[in-house]
PDB file of N, CA and C in Angstrom:
ATOM      1  N   MET A   1      -3.297  11.057  -5.587  1.00  0.00           N
ATOM      2  CA  MET A   1      -3.173  11.603  -4.634  1.00  0.00           C
ATOM      3  C   MET A   1      -2.141  13.063  -4.133  1.00  0.00           C
ATOM      4  N   THR A   2      -2.184  13.817  -4.042  1.00  0.00           N
ATOM      5  CA  THR A   2      -1.200  14.681  -3.938  1.00  0.00           C
ATOM      6  C   THR A   2      -1.217  14.629  -2.243  1.00  0.00           C
ATOM      7  N   VAL A   3       0.392  15.406  -1.843  1.00  0.00           N
ATOM      8  CA  VAL A   3       0.519  15.572  -0.378  1.00  0.00           C
ATOM      9  C   VAL A   3      -0.444  16.747  -0.158  1.00  0.00           C
ATOM     10  N   SER A   4      -1.041  17.720  -0.964  1.00  0.00           N
ATOM     11  CA  SER A   4      -1.684  18.996  -0.952  1.00  0.00           C
ATOM     12  C   SER A   4      -3.265  18.554  -0.568  1.00  0.00           C
ATOM     13  N   ASP A   5      -3.430  17.277  -1.537  1.00  0.00           N
ATOM     14  CA  ASP A   5      -4.778  16.736  -1.000  1.00  0.00           C
ATOM     15  C   ASP A   5      -4.926  15.881   0.006  1.00  0.00           C
ATOM     16  N   LEU A   6      -3.987  15.467   0.657  1.00  0.00           N
ATOM     17  CA  LEU A   6      -3.769  14.948   1.974  1.00  0.00           C
ATOM     18  C   LEU A   6      -3.956  16.190   3.155  1.00  0.00           C
ATOM     19  N   ILE A   7      -3.146  17.048   2.612  1.00  0.00           N
ATOM     20  CA  ILE A   7      -3.017  18.068   4.242  1.00  0.00           C
ATOM     21  C   ILE A   7      -4.891  19.047   3.809  1.00  0.00           C
ATOM     22  N   HIS A   8      -5.245  19.037   2.704  1.00  0.00           N
ATOM     23  CA  HIS A   8      -6.308  20.068   2.524  1.00  0.00           C
ATOM     24  C   HIS A   8      -7.872  19.067   2.625  1.00  0.00           C
ATOM     25  N   ARG A   9      -7.366  18.360   2.171  1.00  0.00           N
ATOM     26  CA  ARG A   9      -8.928  17.318   2.239  1.00  0.00           C
ATOM     27  C   ARG A   9      -8.710  16.306   2.459  1.00  0.00           C
ATOM     28  N   SER A  10      -8.189  16.014   4.074  1.00  0.00           N
ATOM     29  CA  SER A  10      -7.610  14.541   4.370  1.00  0.00           C
ATOM     30  C   SER A  10      -9.205  13.419   4.991  1.00  0.00           C
ATOM     31  N   GLY A  11     -10.222  14.334   5.318  1.00  0.00           N
ATOM     32  CA  GLY A  11     -11.240  13.497   5.115  1.00  0.00           C
ATOM     33  C   GLY A  11     -11.895  13.069   4.182  1.00  0.00           C
ATOM     34  N   GLU A  12     -12.008  13.839   2.902  1.00  0.00           N
ATOM     35  CA  GLU A  12     -11.751  12.808   1.930  1.00  0.00           C
ATOM     36  C   GLU A  12     -10.637  11.859   1.351  1.00  0.00           C
ATOM     37  N   VAL A  13      -9.761  11.833   1.863  1.00  0.00           N
ATOM     38  CA  VAL A  13      -8.471  11.045   1.541  1.00  0.00           C
ATOM     39  C   VAL A  13      -8.696   9.933   1.948  1.00  0.00           C
ATOM     40  N   PHE A  14      -8.971   9.848   3.660  1.00  0.00           N
ATOM     41  CA  PHE A  14      -9.519   8.793   4.390  1.00  0.00           C
ATOM     42  C   PHE A  14     -10.430   7.781   3.926  1.00  0.00           C
ATOM     43  N   ASP A  15     -11.592   8.626   3.228  1.00  0.00           N
ATOM     44  CA  ASP A  15     -12.964   7.633   2.965  1.00  0.00           C
ATOM     45  C   ASP A  15     -12.540   6.884   1.911  1.00  0.00           C
ATOM     46  N   ARG A  16     -11.487   7.535   0.930  1.00  0.00           N
ATOM     47  CA  ARG A  16     -10.849   6.969  -0.254  1.00  0.00           C
ATOM     48  C   ARG A  16     -10.309   6.095  -0.057  1.00  0.00           C
ATOM     49  N   LEU A  17      -9.329   6.051   1.206  1.00  0.00           N
ATOM     50  CA  LEU A  17      -8.640   4.904   1.685  1.00  0.00           C
ATOM     51  C   LEU A  17      -9.521   3.703   1.824  1.00  0.00           C
ATOM     52  N   GLN A  18     -10.524   3.830   2.659  1.00  0.00           N
ATOM     53  CA  GLN A  18     -11.391   2.559   3.074  1.00  0.00           C
ATOM     54  C   GLN A  18     -11.651   1.992   2.041  1.00  0.00           C
ATOM     55  N   HIS A  19     -12.120   2.630   0.580  1.00  0.00           N
ATOM     56  CA  HIS A  19     -12.772   2.025  -0.472  1.00  0.00           C
ATOM     57  C   HIS A  19     -11.370   1.098  -1.203  1.00  0.00           C
ATOM     58  N   GLU A  20     -10.485   2.197  -1.423  1.00  0.00           N
ATOM     59  CA  GLU A  20      -9.368   1.633  -2.322  1.00  0.00           C
ATOM     60  C   GLU A  20      -8.350   0.630  -1.306  1.00  0.00           C
ATOM     61  N   ARG A  21      -7.792   1.003  -0.075  1.00  0.00           N
ATOM     62  CA  ARG A  21      -7.195  -0.016   0.711  1.00  0.00           C
ATOM     63  C   ARG A  21      -5.581   0.657   0.581  1.00  0.00           C
ATOM     64  N   ARG A  22      -5.403   1.228  -0.748  1.00  0.00           N
ATOM     65  CA  ARG A  22      -4.012   1.661  -0.811  1.00  0.00           C
ATOM     66  C   ARG A  22      -4.047   3.071  -1.562  1.00  0.00           C
ATOM     67  N   LEU A  23      -3.614   3.636  -1.425  1.00  0.00           N
ATOM     68  CA  LEU A  23      -2.930   5.158  -2.035  1.00  0.00           C
ATOM     69  C   LEU A  23      -1.698   5.793  -1.950  1.00  0.00           C
ATOM     70  N   ILE A  24      -1.295   5.895  -3.267  1.00  0.00           N
ATOM     71  CA  ILE A  24      -0.260   6.662  -3.357  1.00  0.00           C
ATOM     72  C   ILE A  24      -0.030   8.090  -3.408  1.00  0.00           C
ATOM     73  N   ILE A  25       0.696   8.492  -2.657  1.00  0.00           N
ATOM     74  CA  ILE A  25       0.975  10.081  -2.442  1.00  0.00           C
ATOM     75  C   ILE A  25       2.006  10.626  -3.060  1.00  0.00           C
ATOM     76  N   THR A  26       1.564  11.651  -4.025  1.00  0.00           N
ATOM     77  CA  THR A  26       2.675  12.408  -4.463  1.00  0.00           C
ATOM     78  C   THR A  26       3.158  13.597  -4.260  1.00  0.00           C
ATOM     79  N   ARG A  27       4.289  13.880  -4.509  1.00  0.00           N
ATOM     80  CA  ARG A  27       4.492  15.517  -4.537  1.00  0.00           C
ATOM     81  C   ARG A  27       5.319  15.798  -5.906  1.00  0.00           C
ATOM     82  N   ASN A  28       4.920  16.976  -6.711  1.00  0.00           N
ATOM     83  CA  ASN A  28       5.484  17.298  -7.554  1.00  0.00           C
ATOM     84  C   ASN A  28       5.408  16.088  -8.653  1.00  0.00           C
ATOM     85  N   GLY A  29       4.459  15.240  -8.812  1.00  0.00           N
ATOM     86  CA  GLY A  29       4.382  14.173  -9.626  1.00  0.00           C
ATOM     87  C   GLY A  29       5.307  12.818  -9.069  1.00  0.00           C
ATOM     88  N   LYS A  30       6.087  13.197  -8.244  1.00  0.00           N
ATOM     89  CA  LYS A  30       6.747  11.898  -7.549  1.00  0.00           C
ATOM     90  C   LYS A  30       6.261  11.588  -6.416  1.00  0.00           C
ATOM     91  N   LEU A  31       6.683  10.006  -6.229  1.00  0.00           N
ATOM     92  CA  LEU A  31       6.059   9.227  -4.810  1.00  0.00           C
ATOM     93  C   LEU A  31       6.768   9.929  -3.638  1.00  0.00           C
ATOM     94  N   ALA A  32       5.822   9.961  -3.025  1.00  0.00           N
ATOM     95  CA  ALA A  32       6.296  10.733  -1.739  1.00  0.00           C
ATOM     96  C   ALA A  32       6.005   9.707  -0.368  1.00  0.00           C
ATOM     97  N   GLY A  33       5.116   9.206  -0.629  1.00  0.00           N
ATOM     98  CA  GLY A  33       4.514   7.812   0.569  1.00  0.00           C
ATOM     99  C   GLY A  33       3.301   7.153  -0.286  1.00  0.00           C
ATOM    100  N   VAL A  34       3.086   6.591   0.913  1.00  0.00           N
ATOM    101  CA  VAL A  34       2.094   5.401   0.668  1.00  0.00           C
ATOM    102  C   VAL A  34       0.941   5.201   1.846  1.00  0.00           C
ATOM    103  N   LEU A  35      -0.156   5.292   1.430  1.00  0.00           N
ATOM    104  CA  LEU A  35      -0.965   5.158   2.713  1.00  0.00           C
ATOM    105  C   LEU A  35      -2.085   3.739   2.598  1.00  0.00           C
ATOM    106  N   THR A  36      -1.672   2.860   3.522  1.00  0.00           N
ATOM    107  CA  THR A  36      -2.371   1.712   3.532  1.00  0.00           C
ATOM    108  C   THR A  36      -3.788   1.550   4.386  1.00  0.00           C
ATOM    109  N   ALA A  37      -5.119   1.218   4.039  1.00  0.00           N
ATOM    110  CA  ALA A  37      -5.998   0.733   5.120  1.00  0.00           C
ATOM    111  C   ALA A  37      -5.271  -0.231   6.246  1.00  0.00           C
ATOM    112  N   PRO A  38      -5.964  -0.240   7.319  1.00  0.00           N
ATOM    113  CA  PRO A  38      -5.537  -1.235   8.541  1.00  0.00           C
ATOM    114  C   PRO A  38      -6.261  -2.561   7.952  1.00  0.00           C
ATOM    115  N   ASP A  39      -5.786  -3.631   8.499  1.00  0.00           N
ATOM    116  CA  ASP A  39      -6.375  -4.888   7.962  1.00  0.00           C
ATOM    117  C   ASP A  39      -7.421  -5.219   9.003  1.00  0.00           C
ATOM    118  N   PRO A  40      -8.611  -5.205   8.046  1.00  0.00           N
ATOM    119  CA  PRO A  40      -9.773  -5.564   9.292  1.00  0.00           C
ATOM    120  C   PRO A  40      -9.753  -6.778  10.185  1.00  0.00           C
ATOM    121  N   ASP A  41      -9.127  -7.821   9.841  1.00  0.00           N
ATOM    122  CA  ASP A  41      -8.773  -8.996  10.523  1.00  0.00           C
ATOM    123  C   ASP A  41      -8.302  -8.574  11.531  1.00  0.00           C
ATOM    124  N   GLU A  42      -7.206  -7.814  11.456  1.00  0.00           N
ATOM    125  CA  GLU A  42      -6.460  -7.492  12.720  1.00  0.00           C
ATOM    126  C   GLU A  42      -6.740  -6.395  13.704  1.00  0.00           C
ATOM    127  N   MET A  43      -7.737  -5.393  12.904  1.00  0.00           N
ATOM    128  CA  MET A  43      -8.357  -4.742  13.572  1.00  0.00           C
ATOM    129  C   MET A  43      -9.194  -5.259  14.639  1.00  0.00           C
ATOM    130  N   LEU A  44      -9.651  -6.672  14.365  1.00  0.00           N
ATOM    131  CA  LEU A  44     -10.888  -7.581  15.178  1.00  0.00           C
ATOM    132  C   LEU A  44      -9.771  -8.012  15.993  1.00  0.00           C
ATOM    133  N   LEU A  45      -8.872  -8.301  15.634  1.00  0.00           N
ATOM    134  CA  LEU A  45      -7.996  -9.437  16.740  1.00  0.00           C
ATOM    135  C   LEU A  45      -7.469  -8.354  17.867  1.00  0.00           C
ATOM    136  N   ASP A  46      -7.253  -6.975  17.717  1.00  0.00           N
ATOM    137  CA  ASP A  46      -7.053  -6.046  18.562  1.00  0.00           C
ATOM    138  C   ASP A  46      -8.206  -6.225  19.555  1.00  0.00           C
ATOM    139  N   GLU A  47      -9.368  -5.954  18.875  1.00  0.00           N
ATOM    140  CA  GLU A  47     -10.515  -5.818  19.818  1.00  0.00           C
ATOM    141  C   GLU A  47     -10.701  -6.409  20.781  1.00  0.00           C
ATOM    142  N   TRP A  48     -10.537  -8.363  20.158  1.00  0.00           N
ATOM    143  CA  TRP A  48     -10.530  -9.061  21.095  1.00  0.00           C
ATOM    144  C   TRP A  48      -9.447  -8.933  22.325  1.00  0.00           C
ATOM    145  N   ALA A  49      -8.303  -8.706  22.100  1.00  0.00           N
ATOM    146  CA  ALA A  49      -6.965  -8.527  22.949  1.00  0.00           C
ATOM    147  C   ALA A  49      -7.275  -7.424  23.603  1.00  0.00           C
ATOM    148  N   ASP A  50      -8.202  -6.416  23.251  1.00  0.00           N
ATOM    149  CA  ASP A  50      -8.498  -5.570  24.277  1.00  0.00           C
ATOM    150  C   ASP A  50      -9.366  -5.798  25.359  1.00  0.00           C
ATOM    151  N   ARG A  51     -10.700  -6.903  24.723  1.00  0.00           N
ATOM    152  CA  ARG A  51     -11.178  -7.322  25.733  1.00  0.00           C
ATOM    153  C   ARG A  51     -10.940  -8.822  26.658  1.00  0.00           C
ATOM    154  N   GLY A  52      -9.799  -8.918  26.443  1.00  0.00           N
ATOM    155  CA  GLY A  52      -9.464 -10.063  27.107  1.00  0.00           C
ATOM    156  C   GLY A  52      -9.362 -11.738  26.485  1.00  0.00           C
ATOM    157  N   GLU A  53     -10.094 -11.457  25.261  1.00  0.00           N
ATOM    158  CA  GLU A  53     -10.369 -12.567  24.674  1.00  0.00           C
ATOM    159  C   GLU A  53      -9.208 -13.334  23.942  1.00  0.00           C
ATOM    160  N   LEU A  54      -8.298 -12.811  23.855  1.00  0.00           N
ATOM    161  CA  LEU A  54      -7.272 -13.228  23.047  1.00  0.00           C
ATOM    162  C   LEU A  54      -5.529 -12.435  23.805  1.00  0.00           C
ATOM    163  N   PRO A  55      -4.753 -13.021  23.798  1.00  0.00           N
ATOM    164  CA  PRO A  55      -3.742 -12.851  24.426  1.00  0.00           C
ATOM    165  C   PRO A  55      -2.997 -11.253  23.962  1.00  0.00           C
ATOM    166  N   SER A  56      -2.620 -10.401  24.690  1.00  0.00           N
ATOM    167  CA  SER A  56      -2.563  -9.166  24.525  1.00  0.00           C
ATOM    168  C   SER A  56      -1.406  -9.286  23.676  1.00  0.00           C
ATOM    169  N   ASP A  57      -0.129 -10.258  23.708  1.00  0.00           N
ATOM    170  CA  ASP A  57       0.878 -10.018  22.444  1.00  0.00           C
ATOM    171  C   ASP A  57       0.532 -11.047  21.315  1.00  0.00           C
ATOM    172  N   TRP A  58      -0.635 -11.261  20.987  1.00  0.00           N
ATOM    173  CA  TRP A  58      -1.013 -11.988  19.634  1.00  0.00           C
ATOM    174  C   TRP A  58      -0.048 -11.669  18.728  1.00  0.00           C
ATOM    175  N   ARG A  59       0.026 -10.147  18.196  1.00  0.00           N
ATOM    176  CA  ARG A  59       1.254  -9.853  17.013  1.00  0.00           C
ATOM    177  C   ARG A  59       2.775 -10.951  17.510  1.00  0.00           C
ATOM    178  N   THR A  60       3.061 -10.623  18.901  1.00  0.00           N
ATOM    179  CA  THR A  60       4.271 -11.122  18.545  1.00  0.00           C
ATOM    180  C   THR A  60       4.171 -12.791  18.527  1.00  0.00           C
ATOM    181  N   ARG A  61       3.180 -13.347  19.279  1.00  0.00           N
ATOM    182  CA  ARG A  61       3.203 -14.669  18.796  1.00  0.00           C
ATOM    183  C   ARG A  61       3.080 -14.821  17.350  1.00  0.00           C
ATOM    184  N   GLN A  62       2.627 -14.279  16.620  1.00  0.00           N
ATOM    185  CA  GLN A  62       2.271 -14.593  15.080  1.00  0.00           C
ATOM    186  C   GLN A  62       3.282 -14.529  14.432  1.00  0.00           C
ATOM    187  N   ARG A  63       4.196 -13.299  14.848  1.00  0.00           N
ATOM    188  CA  ARG A  63       5.441 -12.987  14.168  1.00  0.00           C
ATOM    189  C   ARG A  63       6.493 -14.289  14.495  1.00  0.00           C
ATOM    190  N   ARG A  64       6.254 -14.790  15.651  1.00  0.00           N
ATOM    191  CA  ARG A  64       7.255 -16.023  16.135  1.00  0.00           C
ATOM    192  C   ARG A  64       6.780 -17.159  15.070  1.00  0.00           C
ATOM    193  N   LEU A  65       5.559 -17.260  15.268  1.00  0.00           N
ATOM    194  CA  LEU A  65       4.982 -18.839  14.229  1.00  0.00           C
ATOM    195  C   LEU A  65       5.470 -18.545  13.008  1.00  0.00           C
ATOM    196  N   ARG A  66       5.446 -17.516  12.445  1.00  0.00           N
ATOM    197  CA  ARG A  66       5.617 -17.245  10.855  1.00  0.00           C
ATOM    198  C   ARG A  66       7.323 -17.262  10.509  1.00  0.00           C
ATOM    199  N   SER A  67       7.963 -16.575  11.580  1.00  0.00           N
ATOM    200  CA  SER A  67       9.443 -17.081  11.529  1.00  0.00           C
ATOM    201  C   SER A  67       9.932 -18.750  11.908  1.00  0.00           C
ATOM    202  N   TRP A  68       9.192 -19.574  12.950  1.00  0.00           N
ATOM    203  CA  TRP A  68       9.096 -20.627  12.910  1.00  0.00           C
ATOM    204  C   TRP A  68       8.881 -21.246  11.695  1.00  0.00           C
ATOM    205  N   LEU A  69       7.755 -21.115  10.676  1.00  0.00           N
ATOM    206  CA  LEU A  69       7.201 -21.977  10.241  1.00  0.00           C
ATOM    207  C   LEU A  69       8.399 -21.721   8.775  1.00  0.00           C
ATOM    208  N   ARG A  70       8.864 -20.051   8.438  1.00  0.00           N
ATOM    209  CA  ARG A  70       9.557 -20.155   7.547  1.00  0.00           C
ATOM    210  C   ARG A  70      11.146 -20.734   7.607  1.00  0.00           C
ATOM    211  N   HIS A  71      11.603 -20.776   8.651  1.00  0.00           N
ATOM    212  CA  HIS A  71      12.912 -21.664   8.893  1.00  0.00           C
ATOM    213  C   HIS A  71      12.696 -23.409   9.327  1.00  0.00           C
ATOM    214  N   ALA A  72      11.608 -23.545   9.648  1.00  0.00           N
ATOM    215  CA  ALA A  72      11.090 -25.282   9.777  1.00  0.00           C
ATOM    216  C   ALA A  72      11.737 -26.361   8.604  1.00  0.00           C
ATOM    217  N   PRO A  73      12.138 -27.372   9.052  1.00  0.00           N
ATOM    218  CA  PRO A  73      12.411 -28.310   8.026  1.00  0.00           C
ATOM    219  C   PRO A  73      11.367 -28.863   7.351  1.00  0.00           C
ATOM    220  N   ALA A  74      11.563 -29.112   6.430  1.00  0.00           N
ATOM    221  CA  ALA A  74      10.372 -29.639   5.670  1.00  0.00           C
ATOM    222  C   ALA A  74      10.468 -31.434   6.105  1.00  0.00           C
ATOM    223  N   ARG A  75       9.276 -31.677   6.049  1.00  0.00           N
ATOM    224  CA  ARG A  75       8.972 -33.181   6.051  1.00  0.00           C
ATOM    225  C   ARG A  75       8.263 -33.962   5.253  1.00  0.00           C
ATOM    226  N   SER A  76       8.751 -35.002   5.006  1.00  0.00           N
ATOM    227  CA  SER A  76       8.003 -35.832   3.924  1.00  0.00           C
ATOM    228  C   SER A  76       7.903 -37.107   4.507  1.00  0.00           C
ATOM    229  N   ALA A  77       7.101 -37.808   4.022  1.00  0.00           N
ATOM    230  CA  ALA A  77       6.726 -39.374   4.185  1.00  0.00           C
ATOM    231  C   ALA A  77       7.711 -40.219   3.582  1.00  0.00           C
ATOM    232  N   PRO A  78       8.455 -41.099   4.008  1.00  0.00           N
ATOM    233  CA  PRO A  78       9.230 -42.161   3.252  1.00  0.00           C
ATOM    234  C   PRO A  78       8.703 -42.766   1.627  1.00  0.00           C
ATOM    235  N   THR A  79       9.554 -42.670   0.482  1.00  0.00           N
ATOM    236  CA  THR A  79       8.189 -43.396  -0.490  1.00  0.00           C
ATOM    237  C   THR A  79       7.889 -44.525  -0.228  1.00  0.00           C
ATOM    238  N   GLY A  80       6.589 -44.466  -0.900  1.00  0.00           N
ATOM    239  CA  GLY A  80       5.317 -45.857  -0.796  1.00  0.00           C
ATOM    240  C   GLY A  80       4.882 -45.816   0.797  1.00  0.00           C
ATOM    241  N   GLU A  81       5.264 -45.149   1.811  1.00  0.00           N
ATOM    242  CA  GLU A  81       4.620 -44.929   2.637  1.00  0.00           C
ATOM    243  C   GLU A  81       3.018 -44.141   2.546  1.00  0.00           C
ATOM    244  N   PRO A  82       2.310 -44.768   2.945  1.00  0.00           N
ATOM    245  CA  PRO A  82       0.645 -43.979   3.053  1.00  0.00           C
ATOM    246  C   PRO A  82       0.764 -42.368   3.501  1.00  0.00           C
ATOM    247  N   VAL A  83      -0.106 -41.528   2.890  1.00  0.00           N
ATOM    248  CA  VAL A  83      -0.111 -40.317   3.423  1.00  0.00           C
ATOM    249  C   VAL A  83      -1.374 -39.439   3.541  1.00  0.00           C
ATOM    250  N   GLY A  84      -1.742 -38.828   4.202  1.00  0.00           N
ATOM    251  CA  GLY A  84      -2.896 -38.079   4.285  1.00  0.00           C
ATOM    252  C   GLY A  84      -4.102 -39.436   4.774  1.00  0.00           C
ATOM    253  N   SER A  85      -5.326 -39.153   4.215  1.00  0.00           N
ATOM    254  CA  SER A  85      -6.254 -40.059   4.527  1.00  0.00           C
ATOM    255  C   SER A  85      -5.826 -41.497   4.489  1.00  0.00           C
ATOM    256  N   ALA A  86      -5.242 -42.057   3.485  1.00  0.00           N
ATOM    257  CA  ALA A  86      -4.458 -43.303   3.299  1.00  0.00           C
ATOM    258  C   ALA A  86      -3.730 -43.782   4.627  1.00  0.00           C
ATOM    259  N   ALA A  87      -2.885 -42.586   4.947  1.00  0.00           N
ATOM    260  CA  ALA A  87      -2.384 -42.961   6.442  1.00  0.00           C
ATOM    261  C   ALA A  87      -3.307 -43.537   7.550  1.00  0.00           C
ATOM    262  N   ILE A  88      -4.353 -42.447   7.650  1.00  0.00           N
ATOM    263  CA  ILE A  88      -5.280 -42.554   9.107  1.00  0.00           C
ATOM    264  C   ILE A  88      -6.002 -43.945   8.642  1.00  0.00           C
ATOM    265  N   LEU A  89      -6.362 -44.185   7.553  1.00  0.00           N
ATOM    266  CA  LEU A  89      -7.349 -45.489   7.316  1.00  0.00           C
ATOM    267  C   LEU A  89      -6.294 -46.708   7.598  1.00  0.00           C
ATOM    268  N   ALA A  90      -5.232 -47.056   6.915  1.00  0.00           N
ATOM    269  CA  ALA A  90      -4.119 -47.742   7.354  1.00  0.00           C
ATOM    270  C   ALA A  90      -3.856 -47.812   8.707  1.00  0.00           C
ATOM    271  N   ASP A  91      -3.964 -46.903   9.730  1.00  0.00           N
ATOM    272  CA  ASP A  91      -3.819 -46.744  11.240  1.00  0.00           C
ATOM    273  C   ASP A  91      -4.850 -47.512  11.898  1.00  0.00           C
ATOM    274  N   ARG A  92      -5.940 -47.224  11.000  1.00  0.00           N
ATOM    275  CA  ARG A  92      -7.334 -47.672  11.856  1.00  0.00           C
ATOM    276  C   ARG A  92      -7.085 -49.476  11.311  1.00  0.00           C
ATOM    277  N   GLU A  93      -7.002 -49.890  10.337  1.00  0.00           N
ATOM    278  CA  GLU A  93      -7.037 -51.286   9.864  1.00  0.00           C
ATOM    279  C   GLU A  93      -5.465 -52.097  11.021  1.00  0.00           C
ATOM    280  N   GLU A  94      -4.734 -51.486  11.215  1.00  0.00           N
ATOM    281  CA  GLU A  94      -3.409 -51.907  12.451  1.00  0.00           C
ATOM    282  C   GLU A  94      -4.094 -51.673  13.814  1.00  0.00           C
ATOM    283  N   THR A  95      -5.065 -50.974  13.895  1.00  0.00           N
ATOM    284  CA  THR A  95      -5.496 -51.098  15.455  1.00  0.00           C
ATOM    285  C   THR A  95      -6.712 -51.558  15.340  1.00  0.00           C
ATOM    286  N   ASP A  96      -6.996 -52.623  14.529  1.00  0.00           N
ATOM    287  CA  ASP A  96      -8.247 -52.917  14.685  1.00  0.00           C
ATOM    288  C   ASP A  96      -9.872 -52.546  14.933  1.00  0.00           C
ATOM    289  N   ARG A  97      -9.931 -51.058  14.490  1.00  0.00           N
ATOM    290  CA  ARG A  97     -11.037 -50.359  14.825  1.00  0.00           C
ATOM    291  C   ARG A  97     -12.136 -50.736  14.472  1.00  0.00           C
TER     292      ARG A  97
END
């Protein structure tokens, strides 16, 4: 896609973007920019936020969660301790359920 295409045939460019999700824009054969279609899931979340079905600051919350997950200390069970389903089953046995 060229800058000229973007200027003179923008409707076609945006129709194509919906199918390809990402378009490279060039000027004189060199990269001038990249167009990316909006994420459908994010668009849906924005609609829910507009209707009050989701906090309006969901993007900020998501960004904070990603940051926390990136920096959270890794935890692991000590060697020999049951993990996952085995831990749940062991807990049930200990509490006489």
